[in-house]
Amino acid sequence: MAHVECLSDGGEESRVGAPAEAAREEQKRPLLGGKEEVKHLQKRLHTEEEKRRKHTEELKALGEEDESVKLLEELVFGAEEELLERLVQHGDDEKEDEDTSDSETENEARLRLPSQRKAVWEDEDDEVEEDVDMTHRFRKDFTRSDAEASMSKQRLQQRLKEQFQKAMGGVPSWAETTVKKSKRKGEDDEDEEDDDDDELLKRTGNYVAASETLPKGIIKIKKCLNANNANPGEGRLTSVQFHTSAQVVLTAGLDHTISLFQVDGKTNPKIQSIHLENFPVNKACFSADGEQVVATGMRNKLFYIYDMMEGKIIPVPRVRGLNEQRVKEFEVSPDGQFLLLTGSSGFLHLMTMKTKEVVRSVKINGSVCAAAFNSDGSKIFTNSEEGEVFIWDVRSSKCVNRFADDGCVTATSLAVSKDDRYVACGSQSGVVNIYSQKECVNSSSPKPLKCVMNLLTAATSLRFNPTSEILAIGSRAEDEANRLVHIPSFSVFSNFPLFRKKTIYRPHCIDFSPHSGFYSIANDKGQALLFRLLHYKDF
């Protein structure tokens, strides 16, 4: 028998191989013969067995015979395969316990319900069930018989739910707590879109952002302090114009004065005033670069140029190549190189701003009532008093196209949008025809997109705003004759001007600020009315 040592919990050693040691000692002693020797061996074996039995009982009493001792005995007596299987199984169980410990903790945390908070105060009346009077005329439709004169709140709620489901043809998808969606194979993108739609239906709020385009119908507009409130004109104002890059507005009139004001909508302080002796101003405009002011008079061909950078007033008594008795109307080219002067007998003269001389002249049939450049200054649109529109090429001085304004007998005004999409023609009858600029250039008889008939007197003023969303029309022949037309719906804003409240009087000139934030009207009372268009954020 092999000699095996086992270490107990108390640190003591127990010798399991005691019979083997006794046998070795017995070999050293001289052998006894016959029956005495057999008795002696039996006695020894009995003593050893008794010791082993006592030793085993002591181990049981001390609780030292645990699973490790049994496994060790099975290994000594040949139970190796069973031991190995148990050891492998024991190792796998420990690994699984480690892997699932975190998930079990998370699951327990999720399943752990929050403790319900106890109410601080409870109203006894809440527990009392009240009956609702069903004889009211708003609740009669929910009763099924005359006997239901009253109904509990819970029953009425259930009746309302049934009525709603009946009207909707069942429970709508947005009212279901769990939405059943049919999923198809190979349509993952569609499933994702369905999920987004479900999330959309579960929420409330404003999902539609404010549109950047100007809405039609009603315009958000606010009346501000007059632009020239710091220095009103003593007579009729003939011109009002916003500076192209600064928050400055120009006014001019028959009082021989040109004034500049800073525009803030609150105080509008005066910057400067220029008095031109014996020179009632017919028209005044900023140059394209905004550094000069050009002004023409009512009586002769003399005009002035005011240099704002140097503070000088430069009179121009005569222009080389200009054979006219007087010059009243003019237009500044978008590139700032030319000044288009309106002459008599249908003549138009193109003068250079650099040398102050006429380089080209063109003539139309009849008299010129209005002229305008397109956005890049390559074409000139001219309207004759007979209602015929001419389109000229600036470089070649050739007439590109001509057409008759539809239904016009006597023309009074013309305007071109800055995006080169529209052309507006005004007439003596107050009708304003809006055309497509592309058709005007390519067709000999274009049809108007819209005929605006909101004016009863001659349409003397036309102006598109910089974004080409508004067309302002006005007539100097009648009080409050000013309208704002929404483009491209071609409908007039119903809330401007104010009904039964005289504020505009007779408009002689109109203009928009560079980003359409402000709108100004120069009237016959010497006032430059100022309005804030709230849809536009910038000046």
Protein backbone atom coordinates (compact mmCIF):
# COMPACT_ATOMS: atom_id res chain seq x y z
CA MET A 1 0.00 0.00 0.00
CA ALA A 2 1.34 3.43 -0.91
CA HIS A 3 2.22 5.98 1.71
CA VAL A 4 -0.07 9.07 1.45
CA GLU A 5 0.01 12.10 3.70
CA CYS A 6 -3.06 14.35 4.23
CA LEU A 7 -2.82 17.75 5.85
CA SER A 8 -5.84 18.65 7.99
CA ASP A 9 -7.22 22.17 8.60
CA GLY A 10 -5.63 22.20 12.03
CA GLY A 11 -2.15 21.63 10.59
CA GLU A 12 -1.83 18.01 11.85
CA GLU A 13 -0.58 15.12 9.71
CA SER A 14 -2.40 11.75 9.61
CA ARG A 15 -0.44 8.72 8.43
CA VAL A 16 -2.64 6.51 6.30
CA GLY A 17 0.21 4.03 5.56
CA ALA A 18 0.79 2.84 9.20
CA PRO A 19 0.40 -0.90 8.33
CA ALA A 20 3.21 -0.71 5.81
CA GLU A 21 5.63 0.69 8.39
CA ALA A 22 4.63 -2.03 10.84
CA ALA A 23 5.28 -4.69 8.20
CA ARG A 24 8.81 -3.34 7.59
CA GLU A 25 9.51 -3.42 11.31
CA GLU A 26 8.19 -6.95 11.44
CA GLN A 27 10.67 -8.07 8.77
CA LYS A 28 13.52 -6.87 10.97
CA ARG A 29 12.35 -9.03 13.87
CA PRO A 30 12.94 -12.80 13.93
CA LEU A 31 9.95 -14.76 12.64
CA LEU A 32 7.96 -16.82 15.15
CA GLY A 33 6.79 -20.13 14.02
CA GLY A 34 3.43 -21.95 13.92
CA LYS A 35 0.24 -20.81 15.66
CA GLU A 36 1.92 -18.16 17.76
CA GLU A 37 3.01 -16.35 14.67
CA VAL A 38 -0.51 -16.41 13.17
CA LYS A 39 -2.05 -15.19 16.42
CA HIS A 40 0.50 -12.47 16.65
CA LEU A 41 -0.28 -11.28 13.09
CA GLN A 42 -4.04 -11.38 13.66
CA LYS A 43 -3.63 -9.37 16.80
CA ARG A 44 -1.50 -6.83 14.95
CA LEU A 45 -4.01 -6.54 12.12
CA HIS A 46 -6.87 -6.19 14.56
CA THR A 47 -4.97 -3.45 16.45
CA GLU A 48 -4.16 -1.60 13.26
CA GLU A 49 -7.72 -1.87 12.01
CA GLU A 50 -8.97 -0.59 15.33
CA LYS A 51 -6.61 2.38 15.12
CA ARG A 52 -7.70 3.10 11.56
CA ARG A 53 -11.36 2.96 12.58
CA LYS A 54 -10.76 5.33 15.51
CA HIS A 55 -8.79 7.63 13.25
CA THR A 56 -11.64 7.74 10.73
CA GLU A 57 -14.16 8.47 13.47
CA GLU A 58 -11.97 11.29 14.71
CA LEU A 59 -11.82 12.76 11.22
CA LYS A 60 -15.60 12.56 10.92
CA ALA A 61 -15.99 14.13 14.31
CA LEU A 62 -13.66 16.97 13.39
CA GLY A 63 -15.42 17.44 10.02
CA GLU A 64 -12.24 17.02 8.03
CA GLU A 65 -13.60 14.47 5.60
CA ASP A 66 -14.74 16.97 2.93
CA GLU A 67 -15.13 16.75 -0.78
CA SER A 68 -11.41 17.27 -1.40
CA VAL A 69 -10.54 14.13 0.71
CA LYS A 70 -13.07 12.01 -1.19
CA LEU A 71 -11.74 13.24 -4.53
CA LEU A 72 -8.23 12.42 -3.37
CA GLU A 73 -9.21 8.90 -2.30
CA GLU A 74 -11.01 8.28 -5.59
CA LEU A 75 -7.90 9.44 -7.45
CA VAL A 76 -5.69 7.04 -5.35
CA PHE A 77 -8.01 4.09 -5.97
CA GLY A 78 -8.37 4.66 -9.71
CA ALA A 79 -11.37 7.14 -10.27
CA GLU A 80 -9.28 9.42 -12.49
CA GLU A 81 -11.68 9.91 -15.45
CA GLU A 82 -14.60 10.88 -13.24
CA LEU A 83 -12.38 13.36 -11.37
CA LEU A 84 -11.19 15.00 -14.58
CA GLU A 85 -14.75 15.42 -15.88
CA ARG A 86 -15.78 17.07 -12.61
CA LEU A 87 -12.79 19.42 -12.66
CA VAL A 88 -13.55 20.52 -16.27
CA GLN A 89 -17.23 21.03 -15.45
CA HIS A 90 -16.32 23.00 -12.34
CA GLY A 91 -14.06 25.34 -14.37
CA ASP A 92 -16.74 26.02 -17.01
CA ASP A 93 -19.31 26.85 -14.33
CA GLU A 94 -17.00 29.42 -12.76
CA LYS A 95 -16.36 31.07 -16.16
CA GLU A 96 -20.09 31.31 -16.90
CA ASP A 97 -20.74 32.82 -13.48
CA GLU A 98 -18.14 35.52 -14.15
CA ASP A 99 -19.58 36.33 -17.62
CA THR A 100 -23.17 36.59 -16.47
CA SER A 101 -22.53 38.51 -13.27
CA ASP A 102 -22.63 41.91 -14.98
CA SER A 103 -25.71 41.14 -17.07
CA GLU A 104 -27.57 39.80 -14.04
CA THR A 105 -26.77 42.99 -12.17
CA GLU A 106 -28.08 45.09 -15.05
CA ASN A 107 -31.24 43.01 -15.36
CA GLU A 108 -31.89 43.32 -11.66
CA ALA A 109 -31.45 47.08 -11.90
CA ARG A 110 -33.90 47.26 -14.81
CA LEU A 111 -36.48 45.07 -13.15
CA ARG A 112 -36.22 46.97 -9.91
CA LEU A 113 -39.28 49.21 -9.92
CA PRO A 114 -39.01 52.73 -8.52
CA SER A 115 -40.62 53.12 -5.18
CA GLN A 116 -43.88 54.97 -5.37
CA ARG A 117 -43.83 58.30 -3.62
CA LYS A 118 -46.52 58.87 -1.08
CA ALA A 119 -48.75 61.86 -1.66
CA VAL A 120 -48.26 64.72 0.78
CA TRP A 121 -51.98 65.45 0.88
CA GLU A 122 -55.00 63.59 -0.38
CA ASP A 123 -58.38 65.09 -1.13
CA GLU A 124 -61.28 62.95 0.03
CA ASP A 125 -63.51 64.42 -2.67
CA ASP A 126 -61.33 62.84 -5.37
CA GLU A 127 -62.44 59.37 -4.31
CA VAL A 128 -66.11 60.30 -4.55
CA GLU A 129 -67.54 59.23 -7.88
CA GLU A 130 -69.55 62.00 -9.47
CA ASP A 131 -72.21 61.52 -12.12
CA VAL A 132 -72.22 63.67 -15.23
CA ASP A 133 -75.45 65.27 -16.37
CA MET A 134 -76.15 63.80 -19.82
CA THR A 135 -79.14 66.03 -20.54
CA HIS A 136 -76.84 68.84 -21.64
CA ARG A 137 -77.14 69.57 -25.35
CA PHE A 138 -73.42 68.88 -25.90
CA ARG A 139 -73.69 65.38 -24.37
CA LYS A 140 -76.97 64.13 -25.82
CA ASP A 141 -75.21 62.47 -28.74
CA PHE A 142 -73.39 60.11 -26.37
CA THR A 143 -76.53 58.67 -24.78
CA ARG A 144 -78.17 55.52 -26.10
CA SER A 145 -81.54 55.88 -24.38
CA ASP A 146 -83.54 58.38 -22.37
CA ALA A 147 -82.80 56.39 -19.24
CA GLU A 148 -79.17 57.54 -19.30
CA ALA A 149 -79.90 60.90 -17.74
CA SER A 150 -76.66 60.69 -15.79
CA MET A 151 -73.47 58.74 -16.25
CA SER A 152 -70.29 58.17 -14.31
CA LYS A 153 -67.06 59.77 -15.48
CA GLN A 154 -65.44 56.42 -16.22
CA ARG A 155 -68.39 55.28 -18.31
CA LEU A 156 -68.52 58.60 -20.17
CA GLN A 157 -64.83 58.31 -20.92
CA GLN A 158 -65.33 54.84 -22.32
CA ARG A 159 -68.29 56.09 -24.41
CA LEU A 160 -66.17 58.91 -25.82
CA LYS A 161 -63.40 56.47 -26.71
CA GLU A 162 -65.85 54.21 -28.51
CA GLN A 163 -67.33 57.15 -30.39
CA PHE A 164 -63.88 58.28 -31.50
CA GLN A 165 -62.84 54.81 -32.64
CA LYS A 166 -66.07 54.51 -34.59
CA ALA A 167 -65.43 57.78 -36.36
CA MET A 168 -61.79 56.86 -37.10
CA GLY A 169 -62.62 53.34 -38.25
CA GLY A 170 -60.71 51.76 -35.40
CA VAL A 171 -57.82 52.67 -33.16
CA PRO A 172 -55.39 54.91 -35.10
CA SER A 173 -51.76 53.84 -35.22
CA TRP A 174 -50.55 56.88 -33.29
CA ALA A 175 -52.84 55.95 -30.36
CA GLU A 176 -51.52 52.40 -30.03
CA THR A 177 -48.88 51.71 -27.43
CA THR A 178 -47.21 49.08 -29.57
CA VAL A 179 -47.30 49.55 -33.32
CA LYS A 180 -47.21 46.38 -35.40
CA LYS A 181 -45.21 46.93 -38.56
CA SER A 182 -44.96 44.48 -41.43
CA LYS A 183 -41.30 43.88 -42.20
CA ARG A 184 -40.26 42.61 -45.58
CA LYS A 185 -37.05 40.90 -46.48
CA GLY A 186 -34.52 43.11 -48.20
CA GLU A 187 -36.32 46.36 -47.26
CA ASP A 188 -34.25 47.60 -44.36
CA ASP A 189 -34.37 51.20 -45.57
CA GLU A 190 -38.16 51.18 -45.62
CA ASP A 191 -38.24 49.79 -42.08
CA GLU A 192 -36.00 52.61 -40.90
CA GLU A 193 -38.32 55.14 -42.51
CA ASP A 194 -41.30 53.50 -40.76
CA ASP A 195 -39.50 53.82 -37.45
CA ASP A 196 -38.90 57.52 -38.10
CA ASP A 197 -42.57 58.00 -38.97
CA ASP A 198 -43.62 56.27 -35.75
CA GLU A 199 -41.34 58.52 -33.71
CA LEU A 200 -42.77 61.53 -35.51
CA LEU A 201 -46.33 60.55 -34.62
CA LYS A 202 -45.46 60.03 -30.97
CA ARG A 203 -44.30 63.63 -30.50
CA THR A 204 -45.97 67.01 -30.55
CA GLY A 205 -44.56 70.39 -31.42
CA ASN A 206 -43.75 72.69 -34.30
CA TYR A 207 -42.06 70.62 -36.99
CA VAL A 208 -42.40 73.25 -39.74
CA ALA A 209 -39.70 75.90 -39.72
CA ALA A 210 -40.32 79.45 -40.82
CA SER A 211 -40.07 79.82 -44.58
CA GLU A 212 -37.42 82.12 -46.03
CA THR A 213 -39.69 83.15 -48.90
CA LEU A 214 -42.13 85.99 -48.41
CA PRO A 215 -45.69 84.70 -47.79
CA LYS A 216 -48.59 86.24 -49.64
CA GLY A 217 -51.81 87.72 -48.28
CA ILE A 218 -50.67 89.81 -45.31
CA ILE A 219 -47.26 91.44 -45.02
CA LYS A 220 -45.65 92.05 -41.63
CA ILE A 221 -44.97 95.78 -41.73
CA LYS A 222 -44.38 98.42 -39.07
CA LYS A 223 -44.57 102.20 -39.36
CA CYS A 224 -41.39 103.89 -38.15
CA LEU A 225 -40.38 107.47 -37.54
CA ASN A 226 -40.09 109.39 -40.80
CA ALA A 227 -36.68 109.05 -42.40
CA ASN A 228 -36.31 112.86 -42.67
CA ASN A 229 -37.96 113.64 -39.35
CA ALA A 230 -34.86 115.58 -38.23
CA ASN A 231 -35.17 117.91 -41.24
CA PRO A 232 -38.50 117.62 -43.12
CA GLY A 233 -38.78 119.12 -46.57
CA GLU A 234 -40.50 122.47 -46.99
CA GLY A 235 -42.12 121.41 -50.24
CA ARG A 236 -42.83 118.34 -52.30
CA LEU A 237 -40.17 115.63 -52.16
CA THR A 238 -39.19 114.33 -55.59
CA SER A 239 -36.58 111.71 -54.66
CA VAL A 240 -35.83 109.17 -51.96
CA GLN A 241 -33.11 106.52 -52.21
CA PHE A 242 -31.22 104.21 -49.85
CA HIS A 243 -27.44 103.97 -49.99
CA THR A 244 -26.13 100.75 -51.53
CA SER A 245 -23.80 99.80 -48.65
CA ALA A 246 -24.41 102.14 -45.67
CA GLN A 247 -27.51 102.68 -43.52
CA VAL A 248 -28.10 106.05 -45.12
CA VAL A 249 -31.09 107.47 -47.01
CA LEU A 250 -31.14 110.43 -49.39
CA THR A 251 -34.04 112.85 -49.86
CA ALA A 252 -34.40 115.74 -52.30
CA GLY A 253 -37.22 118.05 -53.35
CA LEU A 254 -38.39 121.35 -54.64
CA ASP A 255 -36.95 123.22 -51.63
CA HIS A 256 -33.48 123.17 -53.36
CA THR A 257 -32.12 120.82 -50.70
CA ILE A 258 -30.46 117.41 -50.73
CA SER A 259 -30.32 115.74 -47.30
CA LEU A 260 -28.67 112.61 -45.94
CA PHE A 261 -30.00 110.75 -42.88
CA GLN A 262 -28.83 107.75 -40.91
CA VAL A 263 -31.51 105.05 -40.80
CA ASP A 264 -32.12 103.24 -37.51
CA GLY A 265 -35.93 103.34 -37.42
CA LYS A 266 -36.00 105.19 -34.07
CA THR A 267 -34.35 108.63 -34.28
CA ASN A 268 -32.97 108.73 -37.86
CA PRO A 269 -30.47 111.54 -37.18
CA LYS A 270 -29.49 113.93 -39.96
CA ILE A 271 -25.99 113.55 -41.38
CA GLN A 272 -25.78 116.44 -43.81
CA SER A 273 -27.85 118.83 -45.92
CA ILE A 274 -26.79 120.51 -49.18
CA HIS A 275 -28.55 123.61 -50.45
CA LEU A 276 -28.43 124.31 -54.19
CA GLU A 277 -29.37 127.92 -54.87
CA ASN A 278 -32.14 128.44 -57.44
CA PHE A 279 -32.08 124.77 -58.26
CA PRO A 280 -35.30 122.86 -57.45
CA VAL A 281 -34.25 119.21 -57.62
CA ASN A 282 -36.19 117.04 -60.05
CA LYS A 283 -34.23 113.84 -59.32
CA ALA A 284 -31.27 112.85 -57.13
CA CYS A 285 -29.48 109.48 -57.00
CA PHE A 286 -26.39 107.86 -55.53
CA SER A 287 -23.69 106.74 -57.93
CA ALA A 288 -23.07 103.00 -58.29
CA ASP A 289 -20.13 103.07 -55.84
CA GLY A 290 -22.07 105.27 -53.40
CA GLU A 291 -19.42 107.98 -53.25
CA GLN A 292 -21.26 110.63 -55.28
CA VAL A 293 -24.75 112.10 -55.61
CA VAL A 294 -26.08 113.17 -59.02
CA ALA A 295 -28.91 115.74 -59.14
CA THR A 296 -30.84 117.21 -62.07
CA GLY A 297 -33.09 120.28 -62.08
CA MET A 298 -36.46 121.30 -63.46
CA ARG A 299 -35.50 124.17 -65.79
CA ASN A 300 -32.28 123.54 -67.77
CA LYS A 301 -29.64 120.97 -68.67
CA LEU A 302 -27.38 121.96 -65.77
CA PHE A 303 -26.86 119.22 -63.19
CA TYR A 304 -24.74 118.82 -60.08
CA ILE A 305 -22.46 116.09 -58.78
CA TYR A 306 -21.76 116.08 -55.06
CA ASP A 307 -18.58 114.23 -54.05
CA MET A 308 -19.22 112.94 -50.52
CA MET A 309 -15.65 111.79 -49.99
CA GLU A 310 -14.14 115.22 -50.66
CA GLY A 311 -17.19 117.28 -49.67
CA LYS A 312 -17.26 119.16 -52.99
CA ILE A 313 -20.20 120.21 -55.14
CA ILE A 314 -19.28 119.96 -58.83
CA PRO A 315 -21.60 121.76 -61.28
CA VAL A 316 -21.80 120.37 -64.83
CA PRO A 317 -23.18 123.23 -66.98
CA ARG A 318 -22.80 121.46 -70.30
CA VAL A 319 -22.04 118.01 -71.63
CA ARG A 320 -20.03 117.52 -74.81
CA GLY A 321 -22.20 115.98 -77.52
CA LEU A 322 -25.49 116.74 -75.73
CA ASN A 323 -27.82 118.96 -77.77
CA GLU A 324 -30.73 119.33 -75.39
CA GLN A 325 -32.36 122.35 -73.82
CA ARG A 326 -32.94 120.65 -70.50
CA VAL A 327 -32.31 117.30 -68.81
CA LYS A 328 -34.66 116.09 -66.09
CA GLU A 329 -34.69 112.30 -66.00
CA PHE A 330 -31.66 109.98 -65.87
CA GLU A 331 -30.60 106.47 -64.81
CA VAL A 332 -27.27 105.26 -63.39
CA SER A 333 -25.82 102.08 -64.95
CA PRO A 334 -25.17 99.18 -62.51
CA ASP A 335 -21.43 99.23 -63.24
CA GLY A 336 -21.25 103.00 -62.62
CA GLN A 337 -19.63 103.82 -65.98
CA PHE A 338 -22.59 105.52 -67.67
CA LEU A 339 -25.39 107.94 -67.03
CA LEU A 340 -28.44 107.48 -69.26
CA LEU A 341 -29.97 110.91 -69.96
CA THR A 342 -33.52 111.22 -71.25
CA GLY A 343 -33.80 113.82 -73.99
CA SER A 344 -36.64 115.19 -76.04
CA SER A 345 -38.21 113.76 -79.22
CA GLY A 346 -37.47 110.17 -78.18
CA PHE A 347 -33.70 110.53 -77.76
CA LEU A 348 -31.63 108.69 -75.15
CA HIS A 349 -28.02 109.76 -74.48
CA LEU A 350 -25.35 107.60 -72.85
CA MET A 351 -22.85 109.77 -71.00
CA THR A 352 -19.63 108.53 -69.38
CA MET A 353 -19.18 109.44 -65.72
CA LYS A 354 -15.43 109.73 -66.16
CA THR A 355 -15.20 112.32 -68.96
CA LYS A 356 -18.76 113.73 -68.79
CA GLU A 357 -19.36 113.37 -72.53
CA VAL A 358 -21.99 111.58 -74.61
CA VAL A 359 -20.62 108.47 -76.33
CA ARG A 360 -23.86 107.05 -77.82
CA SER A 361 -27.37 108.21 -78.61
CA VAL A 362 -30.42 106.22 -79.65
CA LYS A 363 -33.91 107.27 -80.72
CA ILE A 364 -37.32 105.64 -80.35
CA ASN A 365 -40.64 106.41 -81.97
CA GLY A 366 -42.54 108.94 -79.88
CA SER A 367 -41.46 110.36 -76.53
CA VAL A 368 -39.61 108.55 -73.74
CA CYS A 369 -41.59 108.23 -70.52
CA ALA A 370 -39.33 105.79 -68.65
CA ALA A 371 -36.08 103.81 -69.04
CA ALA A 372 -34.17 101.23 -66.99
CA PHE A 373 -31.02 99.07 -67.15
CA ASN A 374 -31.04 95.33 -66.60
CA SER A 375 -29.00 93.87 -63.75
CA ASP A 376 -25.62 93.74 -65.54
CA GLY A 377 -26.09 96.94 -67.55
CA SER A 378 -25.89 95.21 -70.94
CA LYS A 379 -29.44 96.15 -72.02
CA ILE A 380 -31.69 99.20 -71.76
CA PHE A 381 -35.48 98.90 -71.55
CA THR A 382 -37.34 101.99 -72.77
CA ASN A 383 -41.06 102.70 -72.60
CA SER A 384 -42.57 105.29 -74.93
CA GLU A 385 -45.63 107.36 -74.15
CA GLU A 386 -47.44 105.50 -76.94
CA GLY A 387 -47.09 102.24 -75.01
CA GLU A 388 -44.32 100.61 -77.04
CA VAL A 389 -41.35 99.01 -75.28
CA PHE A 390 -37.88 99.04 -76.89
CA ILE A 391 -34.94 96.86 -75.79
CA TRP A 392 -31.46 98.15 -76.68
CA ASP A 393 -28.04 96.54 -76.58
CA VAL A 394 -25.63 98.95 -74.85
CA ARG A 395 -22.46 97.93 -76.74
CA SER A 396 -23.84 97.87 -80.25
CA SER A 397 -26.56 100.52 -79.72
CA LYS A 398 -28.94 98.29 -81.66
CA CYS A 399 -32.58 97.58 -80.89
CA VAL A 400 -32.76 93.93 -79.84
CA ASN A 401 -36.56 93.73 -79.70
CA ARG A 402 -39.70 95.86 -79.48
CA PHE A 403 -43.26 95.07 -78.49
CA ALA A 404 -46.49 96.86 -77.61
CA ASP A 405 -47.60 96.91 -73.99
CA ASP A 406 -50.80 94.87 -73.86
CA GLY A 407 -53.88 97.11 -73.68
CA CYS A 408 -51.87 100.27 -73.03
CA VAL A 409 -52.93 103.58 -74.60
CA THR A 410 -50.59 105.94 -72.74
CA ALA A 411 -47.58 104.63 -70.83
CA THR A 412 -46.25 106.32 -67.70
CA SER A 413 -43.59 104.12 -66.05
CA LEU A 414 -41.34 101.05 -66.30
CA ALA A 415 -39.30 98.87 -63.90
CA VAL A 416 -36.97 95.87 -64.27
CA SER A 417 -36.33 93.33 -61.48
CA LYS A 418 -32.78 92.86 -60.26
CA ASP A 419 -32.83 89.12 -60.94
CA ASP A 420 -33.72 89.73 -64.61
CA ARG A 421 -36.97 87.78 -64.37
CA TYR A 422 -39.66 90.45 -64.61
CA VAL A 423 -40.50 93.69 -66.43
CA ALA A 424 -43.34 95.92 -65.19
CA CYS A 425 -45.04 98.57 -67.35
CA GLY A 426 -47.39 101.21 -65.93
CA SER A 427 -50.08 103.10 -67.81
CA GLN A 428 -52.20 106.23 -67.52
CA SER A 429 -55.25 104.14 -66.63
CA GLY A 430 -53.52 102.73 -63.54
CA VAL A 431 -53.07 99.21 -64.97
CA VAL A 432 -49.64 97.65 -64.38
CA ASN A 433 -48.65 94.75 -66.64
CA ILE A 434 -46.01 92.32 -65.37
CA TYR A 435 -44.08 90.41 -68.05
CA SER A 436 -41.43 87.72 -68.12
CA GLN A 437 -38.18 89.42 -69.13
CA LYS A 438 -37.13 86.39 -71.15
CA GLU A 439 -40.28 86.58 -73.27
CA CYS A 440 -39.87 90.32 -73.69
CA VAL A 441 -36.41 89.80 -75.22
CA ASN A 442 -37.37 86.85 -77.45
CA SER A 443 -41.01 87.48 -78.42
CA SER A 444 -42.52 90.28 -80.49
CA SER A 445 -45.88 90.02 -78.72
CA PRO A 446 -45.39 88.73 -75.17
CA LYS A 447 -48.40 88.19 -72.95
CA PRO A 448 -48.40 89.68 -69.45
CA LEU A 449 -48.14 87.28 -66.53
CA LYS A 450 -50.47 89.51 -64.52
CA CYS A 451 -52.43 92.72 -64.99
CA VAL A 452 -52.55 94.58 -61.68
CA MET A 453 -55.62 96.83 -61.58
CA ASN A 454 -55.56 98.14 -58.03
CA LEU A 455 -54.83 101.76 -58.98
CA LEU A 456 -57.49 104.07 -60.38
CA THR A 457 -55.09 106.82 -61.51
CA ALA A 458 -51.86 106.85 -63.52
CA ALA A 459 -49.18 104.46 -62.24
CA THR A 460 -46.28 106.91 -61.99
CA SER A 461 -43.93 104.93 -59.69
CA LEU A 462 -42.80 101.31 -60.00
CA ARG A 463 -40.05 99.57 -58.00
CA PHE A 464 -39.04 95.93 -57.43
CA ASN A 465 -37.40 95.08 -54.13
CA PRO A 466 -33.86 93.57 -54.26
CA THR A 467 -35.14 89.99 -53.83
CA SER A 468 -37.80 90.46 -56.55
CA GLU A 469 -40.53 89.32 -54.15
CA ILE A 470 -42.35 92.67 -53.98
CA LEU A 471 -43.39 95.17 -56.65
CA ALA A 472 -44.30 98.59 -55.22
CA ILE A 473 -46.68 100.64 -57.37
CA GLY A 474 -47.82 104.21 -56.75
CA SER A 475 -49.64 107.15 -58.24
CA ARG A 476 -48.94 110.79 -57.50
CA ALA A 477 -52.42 111.77 -58.64
CA GLU A 478 -54.32 110.50 -55.58
CA ASP A 479 -53.85 110.16 -51.82
CA GLU A 480 -52.95 106.72 -50.43
CA ALA A 481 -52.46 105.41 -53.99
CA ASN A 482 -49.71 102.96 -53.10
CA ARG A 483 -49.82 99.15 -53.21
CA LEU A 484 -47.40 96.29 -52.62
CA VAL A 485 -47.71 93.33 -55.00
CA HIS A 486 -46.48 89.89 -53.93
CA ILE A 487 -44.33 88.13 -56.53
CA PRO A 488 -44.72 85.45 -57.94
CA SER A 489 -48.35 85.01 -56.78
CA PHE A 490 -49.07 88.49 -58.26
CA SER A 491 -51.51 89.24 -55.44
CA VAL A 492 -51.73 92.54 -53.58
CA PHE A 493 -51.08 92.58 -49.83
CA SER A 494 -54.42 93.34 -48.19
CA ASN A 495 -53.10 95.16 -45.11
CA PHE A 496 -51.19 97.95 -46.87
CA PRO A 497 -51.89 100.81 -46.79
CA LEU A 498 -54.02 101.02 -43.67
CA PHE A 499 -57.73 101.25 -44.35
CA ARG A 500 -59.42 104.56 -43.54
CA LYS A 501 -56.23 106.07 -42.17
CA LYS A 502 -54.45 108.67 -44.27
CA THR A 503 -50.70 108.41 -43.78
CA ILE A 504 -49.10 108.24 -47.22
CA TYR A 505 -50.83 111.11 -49.04
CA ARG A 506 -49.57 111.44 -52.64
CA PRO A 507 -46.44 109.32 -53.28
CA HIS A 508 -43.92 110.79 -55.74
CA CYS A 509 -41.02 108.38 -55.28
CA ILE A 510 -40.55 104.97 -53.63
CA ASP A 511 -37.54 102.82 -52.79
CA PHE A 512 -36.41 99.70 -50.86
CA SER A 513 -33.27 99.33 -48.74
CA PRO A 514 -30.46 97.05 -50.08
CA HIS A 515 -31.77 93.98 -48.20
CA SER A 516 -35.46 94.98 -48.20
CA GLY A 517 -35.52 95.66 -44.47
CA PHE A 518 -36.99 99.16 -44.98
CA TYR A 519 -39.40 100.75 -47.45
CA SER A 520 -39.65 104.51 -47.94
CA ILE A 521 -42.17 106.78 -49.68
CA ALA A 522 -41.51 110.43 -50.57
CA ASN A 523 -44.82 112.35 -50.64
CA ASP A 524 -46.07 115.83 -51.49
CA LYS A 525 -45.98 116.93 -47.82
CA GLY A 526 -42.18 116.95 -47.65
CA GLN A 527 -42.11 113.67 -45.67
CA ALA A 528 -40.08 110.55 -46.33
CA LEU A 529 -42.26 107.88 -44.75
CA LEU A 530 -40.36 104.90 -43.40
CA PHE A 531 -41.74 101.38 -42.95
CA ARG A 532 -40.02 98.33 -41.48
CA LEU A 533 -40.63 95.08 -43.38
CA LEU A 534 -40.38 92.57 -40.53
CA HIS A 535 -39.96 89.52 -42.79
CA TYR A 536 -36.47 90.70 -43.76
CA LYS A 537 -33.87 90.73 -41.01
CA ASP A 538 -31.16 92.93 -42.55
CA PHE A 539 -31.12 96.56 -43.66
